[in-house]
Amino acid sequence: NFASIAKAVREGRTVYDNLKKAILFLLPINGGESLSIIAAV
């Protein structure tokens, strides 16, 4: 079914977006922790 290809594209984009969201979530947190320590030192 050709419709399954379109659904697969949507799922692929969702996986890629979620990967970006995870990176975008973790790096600022670690960056905030690190900068707080560096600023204090």
All heavy atoms as atom14 arrays in JSON, in Angstrom:
{
  "sequence": "NFASIAKAVREGRTVYDNLKKAILFLLPINGGESLSIIAAV",
  "atom14_mask": [
    [1, 1, 1, 1, 1, 1, 1, 1, 0, 0, 0, 0, 0, 0],
    [1, 1, 1, 1, 1, 1, 1, 1, 1, 1, 1, 0, 0, 0],
    [1, 1, 1, 1, 1, 0, 0, 0, 0, 0, 0, 0, 0, 0],
    [1, 1, 1, 1, 1, 1, 0, 0, 0, 0, 0, 0, 0, 0],
    [1, 1, 1, 1, 1, 1, 1, 1, 0, 0, 0, 0, 0, 0],
    [1, 1, 1, 1, 1, 0, 0, 0, 0, 0, 0, 0, 0, 0],
    [1, 1, 1, 1, 1, 1, 1, 1, 1, 0, 0, 0, 0, 0],
    [1, 1, 1, 1, 1, 0, 0, 0, 0, 0, 0, 0, 0, 0],
    [1, 1, 1, 1, 1, 1, 1, 0, 0, 0, 0, 0, 0, 0],
    [1, 1, 1, 1, 1, 1, 1, 1, 1, 1, 1, 0, 0, 0],
    [1, 1, 1, 1, 1, 1, 1, 1, 1, 0, 0, 0, 0, 0],
    [1, 1, 1, 1, 0, 0, 0, 0, 0, 0, 0, 0, 0, 0],
    [1, 1, 1, 1, 1, 1, 1, 1, 1, 1, 1, 0, 0, 0],
    [1, 1, 1, 1, 1, 1, 1, 0, 0, 0, 0, 0, 0, 0],
    [1, 1, 1, 1, 1, 1, 1, 0, 0, 0, 0, 0, 0, 0],
    [1, 1, 1, 1, 1, 1, 1, 1, 1, 1, 1, 1, 0, 0],
    [1, 1, 1, 1, 1, 1, 1, 1, 0, 0, 0, 0, 0, 0],
    [1, 1, 1, 1, 1, 1, 1, 1, 0, 0, 0, 0, 0, 0],
    [1, 1, 1, 1, 1, 1, 1, 1, 0, 0, 0, 0, 0, 0],
    [1, 1, 1, 1, 1, 1, 1, 1, 1, 0, 0, 0, 0, 0],
    [1, 1, 1, 1, 1, 1, 1, 1, 1, 0, 0, 0, 0, 0],
    [1, 1, 1, 1, 1, 0, 0, 0, 0, 0, 0, 0, 0, 0],
    [1, 1, 1, 1, 1, 1, 1, 1, 0, 0, 0, 0, 0, 0],
    [1, 1, 1, 1, 1, 1, 1, 1, 0, 0, 0, 0, 0, 0],
    [1, 1, 1, 1, 1, 1, 1, 1, 1, 1, 1, 0, 0, 0],
    [1, 1, 1, 1, 1, 1, 1, 1, 0, 0, 0, 0, 0, 0],
    [1, 1, 1, 1, 1, 1, 1, 1, 0, 0, 0, 0, 0, 0],
    [1, 1, 1, 1, 1, 1, 1, 0, 0, 0, 0, 0, 0, 0],
    [1, 1, 1, 1, 1, 1, 1, 1, 0, 0, 0, 0, 0, 0],
    [1, 1, 1, 1, 1, 1, 1, 1, 0, 0, 0, 0, 0, 0],
    [1, 1, 1, 1, 0, 0, 0, 0, 0, 0, 0, 0, 0, 0],
    [1, 1, 1, 1, 0, 0, 0, 0, 0, 0, 0, 0, 0, 0],
    [1, 1, 1, 1, 1, 1, 1, 1, 1, 0, 0, 0, 0, 0],
    [1, 1, 1, 1, 1, 1, 0, 0, 0, 0, 0, 0, 0, 0],
    [1, 1, 1, 1, 1, 1, 1, 1, 0, 0, 0, 0, 0, 0],
    [1, 1, 1, 1, 1, 1, 0, 0, 0, 0, 0, 0, 0, 0],
    [1, 1, 1, 1, 1, 1, 1, 1, 0, 0, 0, 0, 0, 0],
    [1, 1, 1, 1, 1, 1, 1, 1, 0, 0, 0, 0, 0, 0],
    [1, 1, 1, 1, 1, 0, 0, 0, 0, 0, 0, 0, 0, 0],
    [1, 1, 1, 1, 1, 0, 0, 0, 0, 0, 0, 0, 0, 0],
    [1, 1, 1, 1, 1, 1, 1, 0, 0, 0, 0, 0, 0, 0]
  ],
  "atom14_positions": [
    [[0.85, -1.19, 0.0], [0.0, 0.0, 0.0], [0.88, 1.24, 0.0], [1.71, 1.42, 0.9], [-0.91, -0.01, 1.23], [-1.99, 1.06, 1.15], [-1.9, 2.0, 0.38], [-3.03, 0.91, 1.95], [0.0, 0.0, 0.0], [0.0, 0.0, 0.0], [0.0, 0.0, 0.0], [0.0, 0.0, 0.0], [0.0, 0.0, 0.0], [0.0, 0.0, 0.0]],
    [[0.68, 2.12, -1.0], [1.49, 3.33, -1.08], [1.32, 4.21, 0.15], [2.26, 4.91, 0.56], [1.12, 4.12, -2.34], [1.89, 5.4, -2.5], [3.18, 5.41, -2.98], [1.32, 6.62, -2.14], [3.89, 6.59, -3.1], [2.01, 7.81, -2.26], [3.31, 7.79, -2.76], [0.0, 0.0, 0.0], [0.0, 0.0, 0.0], [0.0, 0.0, 0.0]],
    [[0.15, 4.18, 0.76], [-0.09, 5.0, 1.95], [0.87, 4.65, 3.07], [1.21, 5.5, 3.9], [-1.54, 4.85, 2.41], [0.0, 0.0, 0.0], [0.0, 0.0, 0.0], [0.0, 0.0, 0.0], [0.0, 0.0, 0.0], [0.0, 0.0, 0.0], [0.0, 0.0, 0.0], [0.0, 0.0, 0.0], [0.0, 0.0, 0.0], [0.0, 0.0, 0.0]],
    [[1.32, 3.39, 3.1], [2.27, 2.98, 4.14], [3.61, 3.69, 3.99], [4.32, 3.92, 4.98], [2.47, 1.46, 4.1], [1.26, 0.79, 4.37], [0.0, 0.0, 0.0], [0.0, 0.0, 0.0], [0.0, 0.0, 0.0], [0.0, 0.0, 0.0], [0.0, 0.0, 0.0], [0.0, 0.0, 0.0], [0.0, 0.0, 0.0], [0.0, 0.0, 0.0]],
    [[3.97, 4.04, 2.75], [5.22, 4.77, 2.53], [5.13, 6.16, 3.14], [6.06, 6.64, 3.8], [5.53, 4.84, 1.03], [5.7, 3.44, 0.44], [6.78, 5.68, 0.77], [5.94, 3.42, -1.05], [0.0, 0.0, 0.0], [0.0, 0.0, 0.0], [0.0, 0.0, 0.0], [0.0, 0.0, 0.0], [0.0, 0.0, 0.0], [0.0, 0.0, 0.0]],
    [[4.0, 6.84, 2.92], [3.8, 8.16, 3.51], [3.83, 8.09, 5.04], [4.4, 8.96, 5.71], [2.49, 8.77, 3.03], [0.0, 0.0, 0.0], [0.0, 0.0, 0.0], [0.0, 0.0, 0.0], [0.0, 0.0, 0.0], [0.0, 0.0, 0.0], [0.0, 0.0, 0.0], [0.0, 0.0, 0.0], [0.0, 0.0, 0.0], [0.0, 0.0, 0.0]],
    [[3.21, 7.04, 5.59], [3.23, 6.86, 7.04], [4.65, 6.63, 7.54], [5.04, 7.11, 8.61], [2.33, 5.7, 7.44], [0.85, 5.94, 7.21], [0.02, 4.72, 7.57], [-1.46, 4.96, 7.29], [-2.28, 3.75, 7.59], [0.0, 0.0, 0.0], [0.0, 0.0, 0.0], [0.0, 0.0, 0.0], [0.0, 0.0, 0.0], [0.0, 0.0, 0.0]],
    [[5.44, 5.89, 6.77], [6.83, 5.63, 7.16], [7.65, 6.92, 7.15], [8.51, 7.13, 8.02], [7.46, 4.6, 6.21], [0.0, 0.0, 0.0], [0.0, 0.0, 0.0], [0.0, 0.0, 0.0], [0.0, 0.0, 0.0], [0.0, 0.0, 0.0], [0.0, 0.0, 0.0], [0.0, 0.0, 0.0], [0.0, 0.0, 0.0], [0.0, 0.0, 0.0]],
    [[7.37, 7.8, 6.19], [8.06, 9.09, 6.15], [7.72, 9.9, 7.39], [8.58, 10.52, 8.02], [7.67, 9.87, 4.87], [8.22, 11.29, 4.92], [8.19, 9.15, 3.63], [0.0, 0.0, 0.0], [0.0, 0.0, 0.0], [0.0, 0.0, 0.0], [0.0, 0.0, 0.0], [0.0, 0.0, 0.0], [0.0, 0.0, 0.0], [0.0, 0.0, 0.0]],
    [[6.43, 9.9, 7.76], [6.02, 10.62, 8.97], [6.72, 10.05, 10.21], [7.21, 10.81, 11.05], [4.5, 10.52, 9.15], [3.99, 11.19, 10.41], [2.49, 10.95, 10.58], [1.73, 11.69, 9.59], [1.35, 12.95, 9.74], [1.69, 13.63, 10.82], [0.65, 13.54, 8.79], [0.0, 0.0, 0.0], [0.0, 0.0, 0.0], [0.0, 0.0, 0.0]],
    [[6.78, 8.72, 10.31], [7.44, 8.11, 11.46], [8.93, 8.44, 11.48], [9.51, 8.7, 12.54], [7.24, 6.58, 11.43], [5.84, 6.13, 11.75], [5.39, 6.54, 13.13], [6.21, 6.45, 14.08], [4.22, 6.97, 13.27], [0.0, 0.0, 0.0], [0.0, 0.0, 0.0], [0.0, 0.0, 0.0], [0.0, 0.0, 0.0], [0.0, 0.0, 0.0]],
    [[9.55, 8.43, 10.29], [10.97, 8.77, 10.21], [11.24, 10.19, 10.66], [12.21, 10.46, 11.38], [0.0, 0.0, 0.0], [0.0, 0.0, 0.0], [0.0, 0.0, 0.0], [0.0, 0.0, 0.0], [0.0, 0.0, 0.0], [0.0, 0.0, 0.0], [0.0, 0.0, 0.0], [0.0, 0.0, 0.0], [0.0, 0.0, 0.0], [0.0, 0.0, 0.0]],
    [[10.38, 11.1, 10.25], [10.54, 12.5, 10.67], [10.31, 12.64, 12.18], [10.96, 13.45, 12.84], [9.57, 13.39, 9.89], [9.93, 13.51, 8.42], [9.07, 14.54, 7.71], [9.53, 14.74, 6.34], [9.11, 15.73, 5.55], [8.2, 16.58, 5.99], [9.58, 15.86, 4.34], [0.0, 0.0, 0.0], [0.0, 0.0, 0.0], [0.0, 0.0, 0.0]],
    [[9.38, 11.86, 12.7], [9.11, 11.91, 14.15], [10.32, 11.43, 14.93], [10.72, 12.05, 15.93], [7.89, 11.05, 14.49], [6.74, 11.57, 13.83], [7.64, 11.04, 15.98], [0.0, 0.0, 0.0], [0.0, 0.0, 0.0], [0.0, 0.0, 0.0], [0.0, 0.0, 0.0], [0.0, 0.0, 0.0], [0.0, 0.0, 0.0], [0.0, 0.0, 0.0]],
    [[10.93, 10.33, 14.48], [12.13, 9.81, 15.16], [13.25, 10.83, 15.13], [13.93, 11.07, 16.14], [12.57, 8.48, 14.52], [13.93, 8.04, 15.06], [11.53, 7.4, 14.77], [0.0, 0.0, 0.0], [0.0, 0.0, 0.0], [0.0, 0.0, 0.0], [0.0, 0.0, 0.0], [0.0, 0.0, 0.0], [0.0, 0.0, 0.0], [0.0, 0.0, 0.0]],
    [[13.46, 11.44, 13.97], [14.54, 12.44, 13.84], [14.26, 13.65, 14.73], [15.17, 14.16, 15.41], [14.67, 12.86, 12.38], [15.81, 13.81, 12.12], [17.11, 13.33, 12.01], [15.59, 15.17, 11.97], [18.17, 14.19, 11.76], [16.65, 16.04, 11.73], [17.94, 15.55, 11.63], [18.97, 16.4, 11.39], [0.0, 0.0, 0.0], [0.0, 0.0, 0.0]],
    [[13.01, 14.12, 14.73], [12.65, 15.26, 15.58], [12.83, 14.93, 17.05], [13.31, 15.77, 17.83], [11.2, 15.68, 15.32], [11.04, 16.44, 14.01], [12.06, 16.88, 13.45], [9.9, 16.58, 13.54], [0.0, 0.0, 0.0], [0.0, 0.0, 0.0], [0.0, 0.0, 0.0], [0.0, 0.0, 0.0], [0.0, 0.0, 0.0], [0.0, 0.0, 0.0]],
    [[12.45, 13.73, 17.46], [12.6, 13.34, 18.86], [14.06, 13.25, 19.26], [14.43, 13.55, 20.41], [11.89, 12.0, 19.12], [10.39, 12.14, 19.09], [9.84, 13.25, 19.1], [9.68, 11.02, 19.05], [0.0, 0.0, 0.0], [0.0, 0.0, 0.0], [0.0, 0.0, 0.0], [0.0, 0.0, 0.0], [0.0, 0.0, 0.0], [0.0, 0.0, 0.0]],
    [[14.9, 12.82, 18.33], [16.35, 12.8, 18.6], [16.86, 14.21, 18.82], [17.64, 14.47, 19.75], [17.08, 12.12, 17.44], [18.61, 12.03, 17.57], [19.01, 11.24, 18.82], [19.21, 11.39, 16.33], [0.0, 0.0, 0.0], [0.0, 0.0, 0.0], [0.0, 0.0, 0.0], [0.0, 0.0, 0.0], [0.0, 0.0, 0.0], [0.0, 0.0, 0.0]],
    [[16.41, 15.15, 17.97], [16.82, 16.55, 18.15], [16.3, 17.1, 19.47], [17.0, 17.86, 20.15], [16.29, 17.4, 16.98], [17.04, 17.22, 15.69], [16.87, 18.41, 14.77], [15.43, 18.67, 14.43], [15.3, 19.77, 13.43], [0.0, 0.0, 0.0], [0.0, 0.0, 0.0], [0.0, 0.0, 0.0], [0.0, 0.0, 0.0], [0.0, 0.0, 0.0]],
    [[15.07, 16.74, 19.83], [14.51, 17.22, 21.1], [15.32, 16.71, 22.29], [15.56, 17.46, 23.25], [13.05, 16.77, 21.22], [12.11, 17.43, 20.24], [10.72, 16.83, 20.31], [9.79, 17.43, 19.27], [8.44, 16.81, 19.28], [0.0, 0.0, 0.0], [0.0, 0.0, 0.0], [0.0, 0.0, 0.0], [0.0, 0.0, 0.0], [0.0, 0.0, 0.0]],
    [[15.74, 15.45, 22.23], [16.53, 14.9, 23.33], [17.87, 15.63, 23.46], [18.32, 15.94, 24.57], [16.75, 13.4, 23.11], [0.0, 0.0, 0.0], [0.0, 0.0, 0.0], [0.0, 0.0, 0.0], [0.0, 0.0, 0.0], [0.0, 0.0, 0.0], [0.0, 0.0, 0.0], [0.0, 0.0, 0.0], [0.0, 0.0, 0.0], [0.0, 0.0, 0.0]],
    [[18.51, 15.89, 22.32], [19.77, 16.64, 22.34], [19.54, 18.04, 22.85], [20.3, 18.57, 23.68], [20.39, 16.66, 20.93], [20.82, 15.25, 20.51], [21.58, 17.61, 20.87], [21.3, 15.16, 19.09], [0.0, 0.0, 0.0], [0.0, 0.0, 0.0], [0.0, 0.0, 0.0], [0.0, 0.0, 0.0], [0.0, 0.0, 0.0], [0.0, 0.0, 0.0]],
    [[18.47, 18.66, 22.35], [18.15, 20.02, 22.75], [17.75, 20.11, 24.22], [17.81, 21.18, 24.83], [17.0, 20.55, 21.87], [16.83, 22.05, 21.75], [18.1, 22.71, 21.26], [15.7, 22.37, 20.78], [0.0, 0.0, 0.0], [0.0, 0.0, 0.0], [0.0, 0.0, 0.0], [0.0, 0.0, 0.0], [0.0, 0.0, 0.0], [0.0, 0.0, 0.0]],
    [[17.34, 18.99, 24.79], [16.97, 18.98, 26.2], [18.2, 18.75, 27.09], [18.39, 19.45, 28.1], [15.94, 17.87, 26.45], [15.52, 17.74, 27.89], [14.64, 18.63, 28.45], [16.02, 16.71, 28.68], [14.25, 18.52, 29.79], [15.65, 16.58, 30.0], [14.76, 17.49, 30.56], [0.0, 0.0, 0.0], [0.0, 0.0, 0.0], [0.0, 0.0, 0.0]],
    [[19.04, 17.8, 26.72], [20.15, 17.42, 27.59], [21.31, 18.42, 27.58], [21.87, 18.74, 28.64], [20.67, 16.03, 27.2], [19.77, 14.85, 27.57], [20.31, 13.56, 26.96], [19.67, 14.71, 29.09], [0.0, 0.0, 0.0], [0.0, 0.0, 0.0], [0.0, 0.0, 0.0], [0.0, 0.0, 0.0], [0.0, 0.0, 0.0], [0.0, 0.0, 0.0]],
    [[21.67, 18.91, 26.4], [22.85, 19.77, 26.31], [22.7, 21.08, 27.09], [23.63, 21.48, 27.79], [23.19, 20.05, 24.84], [23.73, 18.85, 24.05], [24.18, 19.28, 22.66], [24.9, 18.2, 24.79], [0.0, 0.0, 0.0], [0.0, 0.0, 0.0], [0.0, 0.0, 0.0], [0.0, 0.0, 0.0], [0.0, 0.0, 0.0], [0.0, 0.0, 0.0]],
    [[21.56, 21.79, 27.01], [21.44, 23.01, 27.82], [21.49, 22.75, 29.32], [22.03, 23.57, 30.08], [20.07, 23.57, 27.4], [19.8, 22.99, 26.08], [20.41, 21.63, 26.12], [0.0, 0.0, 0.0], [0.0, 0.0, 0.0], [0.0, 0.0, 0.0], [0.0, 0.0, 0.0], [0.0, 0.0, 0.0], [0.0, 0.0, 0.0], [0.0, 0.0, 0.0]],
    [[20.92, 21.62, 29.76], [20.96, 21.3, 31.18], [22.4, 21.09, 31.63], [22.85, 21.66, 32.64], [20.12, 20.04, 31.47], [18.65, 20.34, 31.21], [20.32, 19.57, 32.9], [17.75, 19.12, 31.29], [0.0, 0.0, 0.0], [0.0, 0.0, 0.0], [0.0, 0.0, 0.0], [0.0, 0.0, 0.0], [0.0, 0.0, 0.0], [0.0, 0.0, 0.0]],
    [[23.13, 20.28, 30.87], [24.53, 20.06, 31.2], [25.34, 21.34, 31.07], [26.26, 21.6, 31.86], [25.13, 18.98, 30.3], [24.51, 17.61, 30.56], [24.1, 17.32, 31.68], [24.42, 16.78, 29.53], [0.0, 0.0, 0.0], [0.0, 0.0, 0.0], [0.0, 0.0, 0.0], [0.0, 0.0, 0.0], [0.0, 0.0, 0.0], [0.0, 0.0, 0.0]],
    [[24.97, 22.14, 30.05], [25.65, 23.42, 29.88], [25.39, 24.36, 31.05], [26.3, 25.04, 31.52], [0.0, 0.0, 0.0], [0.0, 0.0, 0.0], [0.0, 0.0, 0.0], [0.0, 0.0, 0.0], [0.0, 0.0, 0.0], [0.0, 0.0, 0.0], [0.0, 0.0, 0.0], [0.0, 0.0, 0.0], [0.0, 0.0, 0.0], [0.0, 0.0, 0.0]],
    [[24.14, 24.38, 31.53], [23.81, 25.23, 32.67], [24.55, 24.8, 33.92], [25.06, 25.63, 34.69], [0.0, 0.0, 0.0], [0.0, 0.0, 0.0], [0.0, 0.0, 0.0], [0.0, 0.0, 0.0], [0.0, 0.0, 0.0], [0.0, 0.0, 0.0], [0.0, 0.0, 0.0], [0.0, 0.0, 0.0], [0.0, 0.0, 0.0], [0.0, 0.0, 0.0]],
    [[24.62, 23.48, 34.14], [25.34, 22.97, 35.31], [26.83, 23.35, 35.22], [27.43, 23.83, 36.2], [25.2, 21.45, 35.38], [23.79, 20.97, 35.66], [23.67, 19.46, 35.51], [24.67, 18.84, 35.08], [22.59, 18.91, 35.8], [0.0, 0.0, 0.0], [0.0, 0.0, 0.0], [0.0, 0.0, 0.0], [0.0, 0.0, 0.0], [0.0, 0.0, 0.0]],
    [[27.42, 23.11, 34.05], [28.85, 23.37, 33.87], [29.17, 24.85, 34.03], [30.14, 25.22, 34.72], [29.31, 22.87, 32.5], [29.03, 21.51, 32.34], [0.0, 0.0, 0.0], [0.0, 0.0, 0.0], [0.0, 0.0, 0.0], [0.0, 0.0, 0.0], [0.0, 0.0, 0.0], [0.0, 0.0, 0.0], [0.0, 0.0, 0.0], [0.0, 0.0, 0.0]],
    [[28.36, 25.69, 33.39], [28.63, 27.13, 33.46], [28.46, 27.67, 34.88], [29.17, 28.59, 35.29], [27.7, 27.88, 32.5], [27.98, 27.66, 31.0], [26.92, 28.36, 30.15], [29.36, 28.19, 30.64], [0.0, 0.0, 0.0], [0.0, 0.0, 0.0], [0.0, 0.0, 0.0], [0.0, 0.0, 0.0], [0.0, 0.0, 0.0], [0.0, 0.0, 0.0]],
    [[27.51, 27.09, 35.63], [27.33, 27.53, 37.02], [28.58, 27.22, 37.84], [29.05, 28.04, 38.65], [26.12, 26.83, 37.64], [24.94, 27.18, 36.97], [0.0, 0.0, 0.0], [0.0, 0.0, 0.0], [0.0, 0.0, 0.0], [0.0, 0.0, 0.0], [0.0, 0.0, 0.0], [0.0, 0.0, 0.0], [0.0, 0.0, 0.0], [0.0, 0.0, 0.0]],
    [[29.14, 26.02, 37.62], [30.36, 25.63, 38.34], [31.53, 26.51, 37.9], [32.32, 27.01, 38.73], [30.68, 24.15, 38.11], [29.53, 23.26, 38.58], [31.98, 23.77, 38.81], [29.2, 23.39, 40.03], [0.0, 0.0, 0.0], [0.0, 0.0, 0.0], [0.0, 0.0, 0.0], [0.0, 0.0, 0.0], [0.0, 0.0, 0.0], [0.0, 0.0, 0.0]],
    [[31.66, 26.69, 36.57], [32.77, 27.48, 36.04], [32.69, 28.92, 36.54], [33.7, 29.52, 36.94], [32.76, 27.46, 34.5], [33.09, 26.05, 34.02], [33.75, 28.47, 33.93], [32.92, 25.87, 32.52], [0.0, 0.0, 0.0], [0.0, 0.0, 0.0], [0.0, 0.0, 0.0], [0.0, 0.0, 0.0], [0.0, 0.0, 0.0], [0.0, 0.0, 0.0]],
    [[31.48, 29.5, 36.55], [31.32, 30.88, 37.02], [31.71, 31.01, 38.48], [32.37, 31.97, 38.89], [29.86, 31.31, 36.83], [0.0, 0.0, 0.0], [0.0, 0.0, 0.0], [0.0, 0.0, 0.0], [0.0, 0.0, 0.0], [0.0, 0.0, 0.0], [0.0, 0.0, 0.0], [0.0, 0.0, 0.0], [0.0, 0.0, 0.0], [0.0, 0.0, 0.0]],
    [[31.33, 30.01, 39.31], [31.67, 30.06, 40.73], [33.19, 29.94, 40.93], [33.78, 30.66, 41.75], [30.95, 28.94, 41.47], [0.0, 0.0, 0.0], [0.0, 0.0, 0.0], [0.0, 0.0, 0.0], [0.0, 0.0, 0.0], [0.0, 0.0, 0.0], [0.0, 0.0, 0.0], [0.0, 0.0, 0.0], [0.0, 0.0, 0.0], [0.0, 0.0, 0.0]],
    [[33.83, 29.03, 40.18], [35.28, 28.85, 40.32], [36.04, 30.09, 39.88], [36.97, 30.56, 40.55], [35.73, 27.62, 39.5], [37.25, 27.53, 39.45], [35.14, 26.34, 40.1], [0.0, 0.0, 0.0], [0.0, 0.0, 0.0], [0.0, 0.0, 0.0], [0.0, 0.0, 0.0], [0.0, 0.0, 0.0], [0.0, 0.0, 0.0], [0.0, 0.0, 0.0]]
  ]
}
